[in-house]
Amino acid sequence: MVKVDVCIETVFPELAFEEKIKRVKEIGYDCVEIWFTDKKNIDALADALKETEVCMNNIVVNSPDGSTGGFLVKRQDKQLYLNRLRDMIKVAKKMNCHKAITCTGNAVEGLSDGEMEASIIETLSSAAQIAEKENFILLLEPLNTLVNHKGYYLDSAKKAARIIRGYKQPECQASL
């Protein structure tokens, strides 16, 4: 059965995030997601999740505009993104969360489509190694550029599939 989660960033604006979790449970949902963990009381969130038996389905690593965690489309943001990912995994695990959405960032003027795609693949290849060691799942999210994310690079599932196919898993090393 499909589980539907509630993005608690967008509901009950008058409540603290830990109270939003309780309210979501009261109206019949068992899963939530948040965009970022910055400026949130992670211990209070973790306690509310445990108390209500609500799961934190996923969090977001970086913002579409690159202001939080950098752009995947820009090679110079690779280390910024990877550092952010490491931090987010630690925070997510405090909430028993094992998935995060990652954004490519907006298209960058002066970079070709091929350069941006190569940067995304390179950064996600490194990110996948970090995630795999942590038993963590990264979700690459296309966004709607027609309505509310104008300029965002990853604007279709087709482009996302091409990027995912471009990822090369590291060679397995046999242990002796």
N, C-alpha and C. Protein backbone atom coordinates (compact mmCIF):
# COMPACT_ATOMS: atom_id res chain seq x y z
N MET A 1 0.84 -1.18 0.00
CA MET A 1 0.00 0.00 0.00
C MET A 1 0.89 1.25 0.00
N VAL A 2 0.50 2.23 -0.75
CA VAL A 2 1.23 3.48 -0.84
C VAL A 2 1.03 4.29 0.43
N LYS A 3 2.13 4.82 0.97
CA LYS A 3 2.03 5.71 2.13
C LYS A 3 2.11 7.14 1.64
N VAL A 4 1.23 7.95 2.12
CA VAL A 4 1.22 9.37 1.78
C VAL A 4 1.78 10.12 2.99
N ASP A 5 2.75 11.00 2.71
CA ASP A 5 3.25 11.81 3.82
C ASP A 5 2.78 13.24 3.67
N VAL A 6 2.83 13.96 4.76
CA VAL A 6 2.43 15.36 4.79
C VAL A 6 3.69 16.20 4.95
N CYS A 7 3.87 17.15 4.06
CA CYS A 7 4.98 18.09 4.20
C CYS A 7 4.58 19.10 5.27
N ILE A 8 5.18 18.97 6.44
CA ILE A 8 4.75 19.82 7.56
C ILE A 8 5.29 21.25 7.45
N GLU A 9 6.08 21.51 6.43
CA GLU A 9 6.50 22.90 6.18
C GLU A 9 5.31 23.75 5.75
N THR A 10 4.32 23.11 5.12
CA THR A 10 3.25 23.85 4.46
C THR A 10 1.92 23.85 5.21
N VAL A 11 1.85 23.16 6.32
CA VAL A 11 0.57 23.08 7.06
C VAL A 11 0.72 23.62 8.48
N PHE A 12 -0.39 24.04 9.05
CA PHE A 12 -0.44 24.52 10.44
C PHE A 12 0.66 25.53 10.75
N PRO A 13 0.68 26.65 10.04
CA PRO A 13 1.77 27.62 10.20
C PRO A 13 1.88 28.20 11.61
N GLU A 14 0.82 28.13 12.38
CA GLU A 14 0.83 28.69 13.73
C GLU A 14 1.50 27.77 14.76
N LEU A 15 1.80 26.52 14.37
CA LEU A 15 2.33 25.54 15.32
C LEU A 15 3.84 25.34 15.15
N ALA A 16 4.49 24.97 16.25
CA ALA A 16 5.89 24.54 16.20
C ALA A 16 5.93 23.21 15.46
N PHE A 17 7.06 22.87 14.88
CA PHE A 17 7.16 21.67 14.06
C PHE A 17 6.81 20.40 14.83
N GLU A 18 7.23 20.29 16.08
CA GLU A 18 6.90 19.09 16.85
C GLU A 18 5.40 19.01 17.10
N GLU A 19 4.72 20.14 17.22
CA GLU A 19 3.27 20.17 17.38
C GLU A 19 2.57 19.81 16.06
N LYS A 20 3.17 20.21 14.96
CA LYS A 20 2.62 19.85 13.65
C LYS A 20 2.58 18.33 13.49
N ILE A 21 3.62 17.66 13.96
CA ILE A 21 3.66 16.19 13.87
C ILE A 21 2.48 15.60 14.64
N LYS A 22 2.24 16.09 15.83
CA LYS A 22 1.13 15.59 16.64
C LYS A 22 -0.21 15.85 15.95
N ARG A 23 -0.35 17.02 15.37
CA ARG A 23 -1.60 17.37 14.68
C ARG A 23 -1.82 16.50 13.45
N VAL A 24 -0.75 16.25 12.70
CA VAL A 24 -0.84 15.39 11.52
C VAL A 24 -1.29 13.98 11.93
N LYS A 25 -0.77 13.49 13.03
CA LYS A 25 -1.18 12.17 13.54
C LYS A 25 -2.66 12.18 13.91
N GLU A 26 -3.10 13.25 14.55
CA GLU A 26 -4.51 13.36 14.95
C GLU A 26 -5.46 13.30 13.76
N ILE A 27 -5.04 13.82 12.62
CA ILE A 27 -5.93 13.81 11.45
C ILE A 27 -5.75 12.57 10.59
N GLY A 28 -4.90 11.63 11.05
CA GLY A 28 -4.87 10.32 10.42
C GLY A 28 -3.69 9.97 9.53
N TYR A 29 -2.63 10.75 9.58
CA TYR A 29 -1.44 10.43 8.77
C TYR A 29 -0.33 9.89 9.65
N ASP A 30 0.48 9.00 9.07
CA ASP A 30 1.55 8.36 9.83
C ASP A 30 2.95 8.73 9.35
N CYS A 31 3.04 9.60 8.36
CA CYS A 31 4.35 9.96 7.80
C CYS A 31 4.38 11.45 7.49
N VAL A 32 5.54 12.06 7.73
CA VAL A 32 5.74 13.47 7.43
C VAL A 32 7.07 13.65 6.71
N GLU A 33 7.25 14.85 6.14
CA GLU A 33 8.54 15.24 5.60
C GLU A 33 8.76 16.71 5.92
N ILE A 34 10.03 17.10 5.94
CA ILE A 34 10.39 18.50 6.12
C ILE A 34 11.41 18.86 5.05
N TRP A 35 11.49 20.15 4.77
CA TRP A 35 12.44 20.59 3.76
C TRP A 35 13.85 20.63 4.32
N PHE A 36 14.06 21.37 5.36
CA PHE A 36 15.41 21.51 5.93
C PHE A 36 15.33 21.36 7.44
N THR A 37 16.43 21.00 8.03
CA THR A 37 16.47 20.83 9.48
C THR A 37 17.07 22.05 10.17
N ASP A 38 17.63 22.97 9.40
CA ASP A 38 18.21 24.17 9.98
C ASP A 38 17.15 24.92 10.79
N LYS A 39 17.57 25.44 11.91
CA LYS A 39 16.71 26.26 12.78
C LYS A 39 15.50 25.51 13.30
N LYS A 40 15.61 24.18 13.37
CA LYS A 40 14.54 23.37 13.94
C LYS A 40 15.13 22.62 15.14
N ASN A 41 14.31 22.38 16.13
CA ASN A 41 14.73 21.65 17.31
C ASN A 41 14.64 20.15 16.99
N ILE A 42 15.76 19.59 16.59
CA ILE A 42 15.81 18.18 16.15
C ILE A 42 15.43 17.23 17.28
N ASP A 43 15.89 17.51 18.49
CA ASP A 43 15.55 16.63 19.62
C ASP A 43 14.04 16.63 19.86
N ALA A 44 13.42 17.80 19.78
CA ALA A 44 11.96 17.88 19.96
C ALA A 44 11.23 17.17 18.83
N LEU A 45 11.73 17.32 17.60
CA LEU A 45 11.13 16.60 16.47
C LEU A 45 11.25 15.09 16.68
N ALA A 46 12.45 14.64 17.04
CA ALA A 46 12.66 13.20 17.25
C ALA A 46 11.74 12.66 18.35
N ASP A 47 11.60 13.42 19.42
CA ASP A 47 10.71 13.01 20.52
C ASP A 47 9.26 12.92 20.05
N ALA A 48 8.82 13.92 19.29
CA ALA A 48 7.43 13.92 18.79
C ALA A 48 7.19 12.76 17.83
N LEU A 49 8.16 12.47 16.99
CA LEU A 49 8.03 11.33 16.06
C LEU A 49 7.89 10.03 16.83
N LYS A 50 8.74 9.87 17.84
CA LYS A 50 8.71 8.63 18.64
C LYS A 50 7.40 8.52 19.43
N GLU A 51 7.01 9.61 20.05
CA GLU A 51 5.78 9.62 20.86
C GLU A 51 4.55 9.29 20.03
N THR A 52 4.47 9.82 18.83
CA THR A 52 3.28 9.65 17.98
C THR A 52 3.38 8.44 17.05
N GLU A 53 4.56 7.85 16.96
CA GLU A 53 4.84 6.75 16.03
C GLU A 53 4.64 7.20 14.58
N VAL A 54 4.93 8.46 14.32
CA VAL A 54 4.91 9.00 12.96
C VAL A 54 6.32 8.86 12.41
N CYS A 55 6.43 8.51 11.14
CA CYS A 55 7.76 8.39 10.54
C CYS A 55 8.12 9.67 9.81
N MET A 56 9.39 10.01 9.85
CA MET A 56 9.92 11.10 9.03
C MET A 56 10.35 10.44 7.73
N ASN A 57 9.57 10.65 6.69
CA ASN A 57 9.82 9.98 5.41
C ASN A 57 11.09 10.48 4.74
N ASN A 58 11.27 11.80 4.70
CA ASN A 58 12.47 12.35 4.08
C ASN A 58 12.65 13.80 4.48
N ILE A 59 13.87 14.27 4.25
CA ILE A 59 14.22 15.67 4.43
C ILE A 59 14.86 16.13 3.12
N VAL A 60 15.16 17.40 3.02
CA VAL A 60 15.78 17.92 1.80
C VAL A 60 17.21 18.34 2.11
N VAL A 61 18.14 17.92 1.25
CA VAL A 61 19.55 18.23 1.45
C VAL A 61 19.85 19.68 1.09
N ASN A 62 19.50 20.07 -0.12
CA ASN A 62 19.88 21.39 -0.63
C ASN A 62 18.70 22.06 -1.31
N SER A 63 18.76 23.38 -1.36
CA SER A 63 17.64 24.13 -1.92
C SER A 63 17.74 24.26 -3.44
N PRO A 64 16.60 24.39 -4.10
CA PRO A 64 16.61 24.55 -5.55
C PRO A 64 17.43 25.75 -6.02
N ASP A 65 17.47 26.82 -5.21
CA ASP A 65 18.21 28.01 -5.62
C ASP A 65 19.68 27.96 -5.21
N GLY A 66 20.10 26.86 -4.57
CA GLY A 66 21.50 26.67 -4.20
C GLY A 66 21.94 27.42 -2.96
N SER A 67 21.07 28.22 -2.36
CA SER A 67 21.46 29.02 -1.20
C SER A 67 21.72 28.15 0.03
N THR A 68 21.14 26.99 0.08
CA THR A 68 21.38 26.03 1.16
C THR A 68 21.98 24.77 0.53
N GLY A 69 23.22 24.49 0.82
CA GLY A 69 23.85 23.26 0.36
C GLY A 69 24.42 23.28 -1.03
N GLY A 70 24.29 24.37 -1.74
CA GLY A 70 24.92 24.50 -3.05
C GLY A 70 24.15 23.87 -4.19
N PHE A 71 24.72 24.08 -5.37
CA PHE A 71 24.18 23.56 -6.63
C PHE A 71 24.90 22.28 -7.04
N LEU A 72 24.18 21.31 -7.54
CA LEU A 72 24.83 20.15 -8.16
C LEU A 72 25.35 20.51 -9.56
N VAL A 73 24.73 21.50 -10.20
CA VAL A 73 25.11 21.85 -11.57
C VAL A 73 26.44 22.60 -11.64
N LYS A 74 26.95 23.05 -10.50
CA LYS A 74 28.20 23.81 -10.47
C LYS A 74 29.30 22.98 -9.81
N ARG A 75 30.33 22.63 -10.57
CA ARG A 75 31.43 21.81 -10.02
C ARG A 75 32.03 22.41 -8.76
N GLN A 76 32.11 23.73 -8.70
CA GLN A 76 32.75 24.35 -7.53
C GLN A 76 31.93 24.20 -6.26
N ASP A 77 30.67 23.76 -6.36
CA ASP A 77 29.84 23.53 -5.17
C ASP A 77 29.88 22.08 -4.68
N LYS A 78 30.65 21.23 -5.33
CA LYS A 78 30.66 19.80 -5.00
C LYS A 78 30.97 19.57 -3.51
N GLN A 79 32.04 20.14 -3.01
CA GLN A 79 32.43 19.87 -1.62
C GLN A 79 31.42 20.47 -0.64
N LEU A 80 30.89 21.63 -0.97
CA LEU A 80 29.84 22.24 -0.14
C LEU A 80 28.65 21.30 -0.02
N TYR A 81 28.23 20.73 -1.15
CA TYR A 81 27.10 19.80 -1.17
C TYR A 81 27.42 18.54 -0.36
N LEU A 82 28.60 17.96 -0.58
CA LEU A 82 28.96 16.72 0.11
C LEU A 82 29.06 16.92 1.62
N ASN A 83 29.59 18.06 2.04
CA ASN A 83 29.64 18.37 3.47
C ASN A 83 28.24 18.50 4.04
N ARG A 84 27.39 19.17 3.30
CA ARG A 84 25.99 19.33 3.72
C ARG A 84 25.30 17.97 3.82
N LEU A 85 25.54 17.11 2.84
CA LEU A 85 24.95 15.77 2.85
C LEU A 85 25.37 14.99 4.09
N ARG A 86 26.65 15.01 4.40
CA ARG A 86 27.13 14.30 5.60
C ARG A 86 26.42 14.80 6.85
N ASP A 87 26.30 16.12 6.97
CA ASP A 87 25.61 16.70 8.13
C ASP A 87 24.14 16.30 8.15
N MET A 88 23.49 16.34 6.99
CA MET A 88 22.06 16.02 6.92
C MET A 88 21.80 14.56 7.28
N ILE A 89 22.68 13.67 6.88
CA ILE A 89 22.50 12.25 7.21
C ILE A 89 22.53 12.07 8.72
N LYS A 90 23.46 12.72 9.40
CA LYS A 90 23.54 12.61 10.86
C LYS A 90 22.25 13.10 11.51
N VAL A 91 21.78 14.25 11.06
CA VAL A 91 20.55 14.83 11.62
C VAL A 91 19.35 13.93 11.31
N ALA A 92 19.26 13.46 10.08
CA ALA A 92 18.14 12.60 9.67
C ALA A 92 18.07 11.35 10.53
N LYS A 93 19.22 10.76 10.77
CA LYS A 93 19.23 9.51 11.56
C LYS A 93 18.75 9.73 12.99
N LYS A 94 18.93 10.93 13.52
CA LYS A 94 18.40 11.23 14.86
C LYS A 94 16.89 11.14 14.87
N MET A 95 16.28 11.32 13.69
CA MET A 95 14.83 11.23 13.56
C MET A 95 14.40 9.91 12.93
N ASN A 96 15.33 8.95 12.89
CA ASN A 96 15.08 7.64 12.29
C ASN A 96 14.64 7.76 10.83
N CYS A 97 15.22 8.72 10.14
CA CYS A 97 14.93 8.98 8.73
C CYS A 97 16.12 8.51 7.90
N HIS A 98 15.85 7.82 6.80
CA HIS A 98 16.92 7.23 5.99
C HIS A 98 16.82 7.63 4.52
N LYS A 99 16.13 8.74 4.25
CA LYS A 99 16.00 9.22 2.87
C LYS A 99 16.07 10.74 2.85
N ALA A 100 16.63 11.25 1.74
CA ALA A 100 16.65 12.70 1.57
C ALA A 100 16.47 13.04 0.09
N ILE A 101 15.76 14.12 -0.14
CA ILE A 101 15.59 14.66 -1.48
C ILE A 101 16.78 15.55 -1.78
N THR A 102 17.29 15.45 -2.98
CA THR A 102 18.36 16.34 -3.40
C THR A 102 17.93 17.09 -4.65
N CYS A 103 18.33 18.34 -4.72
CA CYS A 103 17.96 19.22 -5.83
C CYS A 103 19.20 19.51 -6.68
N THR A 104 19.01 19.65 -7.97
CA THR A 104 20.14 19.95 -8.85
C THR A 104 20.54 21.41 -8.79
N GLY A 105 19.59 22.27 -8.48
CA GLY A 105 19.82 23.70 -8.54
C GLY A 105 19.34 24.24 -9.88
N ASN A 106 19.36 25.54 -9.99
CA ASN A 106 18.94 26.19 -11.21
C ASN A 106 20.01 26.10 -12.28
N ALA A 107 19.59 26.18 -13.53
CA ALA A 107 20.54 26.22 -14.64
C ALA A 107 21.41 27.46 -14.47
N VAL A 108 22.69 27.32 -14.81
CA VAL A 108 23.64 28.41 -14.64
C VAL A 108 24.01 28.99 -16.00
N GLU A 109 23.77 30.28 -16.16
CA GLU A 109 24.12 30.95 -17.40
C GLU A 109 25.63 30.83 -17.64
N GLY A 110 25.98 30.50 -18.86
CA GLY A 110 27.38 30.35 -19.23
C GLY A 110 27.87 28.91 -19.18
N LEU A 111 27.09 28.02 -18.57
CA LEU A 111 27.43 26.60 -18.56
C LEU A 111 26.53 25.87 -19.55
N SER A 112 27.10 24.97 -20.31
CA SER A 112 26.30 24.18 -21.25
C SER A 112 25.52 23.12 -20.50
N ASP A 113 24.48 22.60 -21.15
CA ASP A 113 23.69 21.51 -20.58
C ASP A 113 24.61 20.33 -20.24
N GLY A 114 25.54 20.02 -21.14
CA GLY A 114 26.47 18.91 -20.91
C GLY A 114 27.37 19.15 -19.70
N GLU A 115 27.83 20.38 -19.51
CA GLU A 115 28.68 20.69 -18.36
C GLU A 115 27.90 20.56 -17.05
N MET A 116 26.67 21.05 -17.06
CA MET A 116 25.85 20.95 -15.84
C MET A 116 25.52 19.50 -15.53
N GLU A 117 25.15 18.74 -16.56
CA GLU A 117 24.82 17.33 -16.34
C GLU A 117 26.04 16.56 -15.84
N ALA A 118 27.20 16.83 -16.41
CA ALA A 118 28.43 16.15 -15.97
C ALA A 118 28.73 16.48 -14.51
N SER A 119 28.51 17.72 -14.11
CA SER A 119 28.74 18.12 -12.72
C SER A 119 27.78 17.39 -11.79
N ILE A 120 26.53 17.29 -12.19
CA ILE A 120 25.53 16.58 -11.38
C ILE A 120 25.95 15.12 -11.20
N ILE A 121 26.31 14.48 -12.30
CA ILE A 121 26.70 13.06 -12.24
C ILE A 121 27.93 12.87 -11.37
N GLU A 122 28.91 13.74 -11.52
CA GLU A 122 30.14 13.64 -10.72
C GLU A 122 29.83 13.80 -9.23
N THR A 123 29.05 14.81 -8.89
CA THR A 123 28.73 15.06 -7.48
C THR A 123 27.86 13.94 -6.91
N LEU A 124 26.86 13.50 -7.67
CA LEU A 124 26.00 12.43 -7.16
C LEU A 124 26.74 11.10 -7.05
N SER A 125 27.73 10.88 -7.90
CA SER A 125 28.53 9.65 -7.79
C SER A 125 29.27 9.64 -6.45
N SER A 126 29.83 10.79 -6.07
CA SER A 126 30.48 10.88 -4.75
C SER A 126 29.46 10.79 -3.63
N ALA A 127 28.32 11.45 -3.81
CA ALA A 127 27.26 11.42 -2.79
C ALA A 127 26.73 9.99 -2.60
N ALA A 128 26.62 9.24 -3.67
CA ALA A 128 26.12 7.86 -3.58
C ALA A 128 27.04 7.00 -2.73
N GLN A 129 28.33 7.22 -2.82
CA GLN A 129 29.27 6.46 -1.99
C GLN A 129 29.07 6.78 -0.51
N ILE A 130 28.87 8.05 -0.20
CA ILE A 130 28.60 8.46 1.18
C ILE A 130 27.28 7.84 1.66
N ALA A 131 26.24 7.97 0.84
CA ALA A 131 24.93 7.44 1.22
C ALA A 131 24.96 5.93 1.41
N GLU A 132 25.64 5.24 0.51
CA GLU A 132 25.70 3.78 0.62
C GLU A 132 26.35 3.34 1.92
N LYS A 133 27.44 3.98 2.31
CA LYS A 133 28.11 3.65 3.58
C LYS A 133 27.20 3.87 4.78
N GLU A 134 26.30 4.82 4.65
CA GLU A 134 25.39 5.17 5.75
C GLU A 134 24.03 4.48 5.65
N ASN A 135 23.86 3.60 4.65
CA ASN A 135 22.56 2.95 4.42
C ASN A 135 21.45 4.00 4.28
N PHE A 136 21.72 4.97 3.41
CA PHE A 136 20.87 6.14 3.24
C PHE A 136 20.49 6.25 1.77
N ILE A 137 19.29 6.70 1.48
CA ILE A 137 18.79 6.80 0.10
C ILE A 137 18.67 8.27 -0.29
N LEU A 138 19.21 8.59 -1.47
CA LEU A 138 19.05 9.93 -2.04
C LEU A 138 17.99 9.89 -3.13
N LEU A 139 17.10 10.84 -3.11
CA LEU A 139 16.03 10.94 -4.10
C LEU A 139 16.27 12.19 -4.94
N LEU A 140 16.50 12.02 -6.22
CA LEU A 140 16.74 13.14 -7.12
C LEU A 140 15.39 13.65 -7.60
N GLU A 141 15.10 14.93 -7.33
CA GLU A 141 13.76 15.44 -7.57
C GLU A 141 13.68 16.44 -8.72
N PRO A 142 12.97 16.08 -9.79
CA PRO A 142 12.62 17.09 -10.80
C PRO A 142 11.57 18.03 -10.19
N LEU A 143 11.59 19.29 -10.59
CA LEU A 143 10.61 20.25 -10.10
C LEU A 143 9.84 20.87 -11.25
N ASN A 144 8.68 21.41 -10.94
CA ASN A 144 7.81 22.02 -11.92
C ASN A 144 8.33 23.42 -12.29
N THR A 145 8.87 23.55 -13.49
CA THR A 145 9.40 24.85 -13.93
C THR A 145 8.35 25.71 -14.61
N LEU A 146 7.20 25.14 -14.89
CA LEU A 146 6.14 25.91 -15.54
C LEU A 146 5.37 26.79 -14.56
N VAL A 147 5.32 26.37 -13.29
CA VAL A 147 4.50 27.09 -12.33
C VAL A 147 5.34 27.82 -11.29
N ASN A 148 6.21 27.09 -10.57
CA ASN A 148 6.83 27.74 -9.41
C ASN A 148 8.33 27.56 -9.24
N HIS A 149 9.01 26.95 -10.16
CA HIS A 149 10.47 26.79 -10.03
C HIS A 149 11.15 27.16 -11.34
N LYS A 150 10.84 28.31 -11.84
CA LYS A 150 11.42 28.76 -13.11
C LYS A 150 12.94 28.74 -13.03
N GLY A 151 13.56 28.20 -14.08
CA GLY A 151 15.01 28.17 -14.15
C GLY A 151 15.66 26.95 -13.52
N TYR A 152 14.87 26.12 -12.83
CA TYR A 152 15.43 24.92 -12.20
C TYR A 152 15.93 23.98 -13.30
N TYR A 153 17.11 23.41 -13.10
CA TYR A 153 17.72 22.59 -14.15
C TYR A 153 16.94 21.30 -14.41
N LEU A 154 16.64 20.54 -13.39
CA LEU A 154 16.03 19.22 -13.57
C LEU A 154 14.51 19.36 -13.67
N ASP A 155 14.03 19.49 -14.90
CA ASP A 155 12.62 19.79 -15.12
C ASP A 155 11.82 18.64 -15.71
N SER A 156 12.39 17.43 -15.73
CA SER A 156 11.63 16.30 -16.25
C SER A 156 12.17 14.98 -15.71
N ALA A 157 11.27 14.00 -15.65
CA ALA A 157 11.68 12.65 -15.25
C ALA A 157 12.63 12.05 -16.28
N LYS A 158 12.44 12.41 -17.55
CA LYS A 158 13.31 11.90 -18.62
C LYS A 158 14.75 12.35 -18.40
N LYS A 159 14.94 13.62 -18.07
CA LYS A 159 16.28 14.14 -17.80
C LYS A 159 16.85 13.48 -16.54
N ALA A 160 16.02 13.28 -15.52
CA ALA A 160 16.47 12.62 -14.29
C ALA A 160 16.95 11.20 -14.58
N ALA A 161 16.20 10.48 -15.41
CA ALA A 161 16.59 9.11 -15.77
C ALA A 161 17.93 9.10 -16.51
N ARG A 162 18.14 10.07 -17.39
CA ARG A 162 19.41 10.16 -18.12
C ARG A 162 20.57 10.39 -17.15
N ILE A 163 20.36 11.25 -16.17
CA ILE A 163 21.39 11.52 -15.17
C ILE A 163 21.67 10.27 -14.34
N ILE A 164 20.63 9.60 -13.91
CA ILE A 164 20.80 8.38 -13.09
C ILE A 164 21.52 7.30 -13.90
N ARG A 165 21.18 7.18 -15.17
CA ARG A 165 21.89 6.20 -16.01
C ARG A 165 23.36 6.57 -16.21
N GLY A 166 23.67 7.85 -16.10
CA GLY A 166 25.05 8.31 -16.27
C GLY A 166 25.93 8.02 -15.07
N TYR A 167 25.31 7.74 -13.94
CA TYR A 167 26.06 7.42 -12.72
C TYR A 167 26.73 6.08 -12.89
N LYS A 168 28.01 6.04 -12.63
CA LYS A 168 28.77 4.79 -12.72
C LYS A 168 29.11 4.32 -11.31
N GLN A 169 28.66 3.12 -10.99
CA GLN A 169 29.00 2.57 -9.69
C GLN A 169 30.48 2.27 -9.63
N PRO A 170 31.11 2.49 -8.48
CA PRO A 170 32.53 2.16 -8.37
C PRO A 170 32.73 0.65 -8.54
N GLU A 171 33.89 0.32 -9.07
CA GLU A 171 34.24 -1.09 -9.26
C GLU A 171 34.24 -1.79 -7.90
N CYS A 172 33.69 -2.98 -7.85
CA CYS A 172 33.73 -3.75 -6.61
C CYS A 172 35.13 -4.28 -6.41
N GLN A 173 35.60 -4.20 -5.20
CA GLN A 173 36.93 -4.70 -4.89
C GLN A 173 36.78 -5.99 -4.09
N ALA A 174 37.36 -7.03 -4.60
CA ALA A 174 37.29 -8.31 -3.90
C ALA A 174 38.23 -8.29 -2.71
N SER A 175 37.76 -8.79 -1.59
CA SER A 175 38.64 -8.86 -0.43
C SER A 175 39.27 -10.25 -0.39
N LEU A 176 40.52 -10.26 -0.06
CA LEU A 176 41.25 -11.54 -0.01
C LEU A 176 41.40 -12.04 1.40
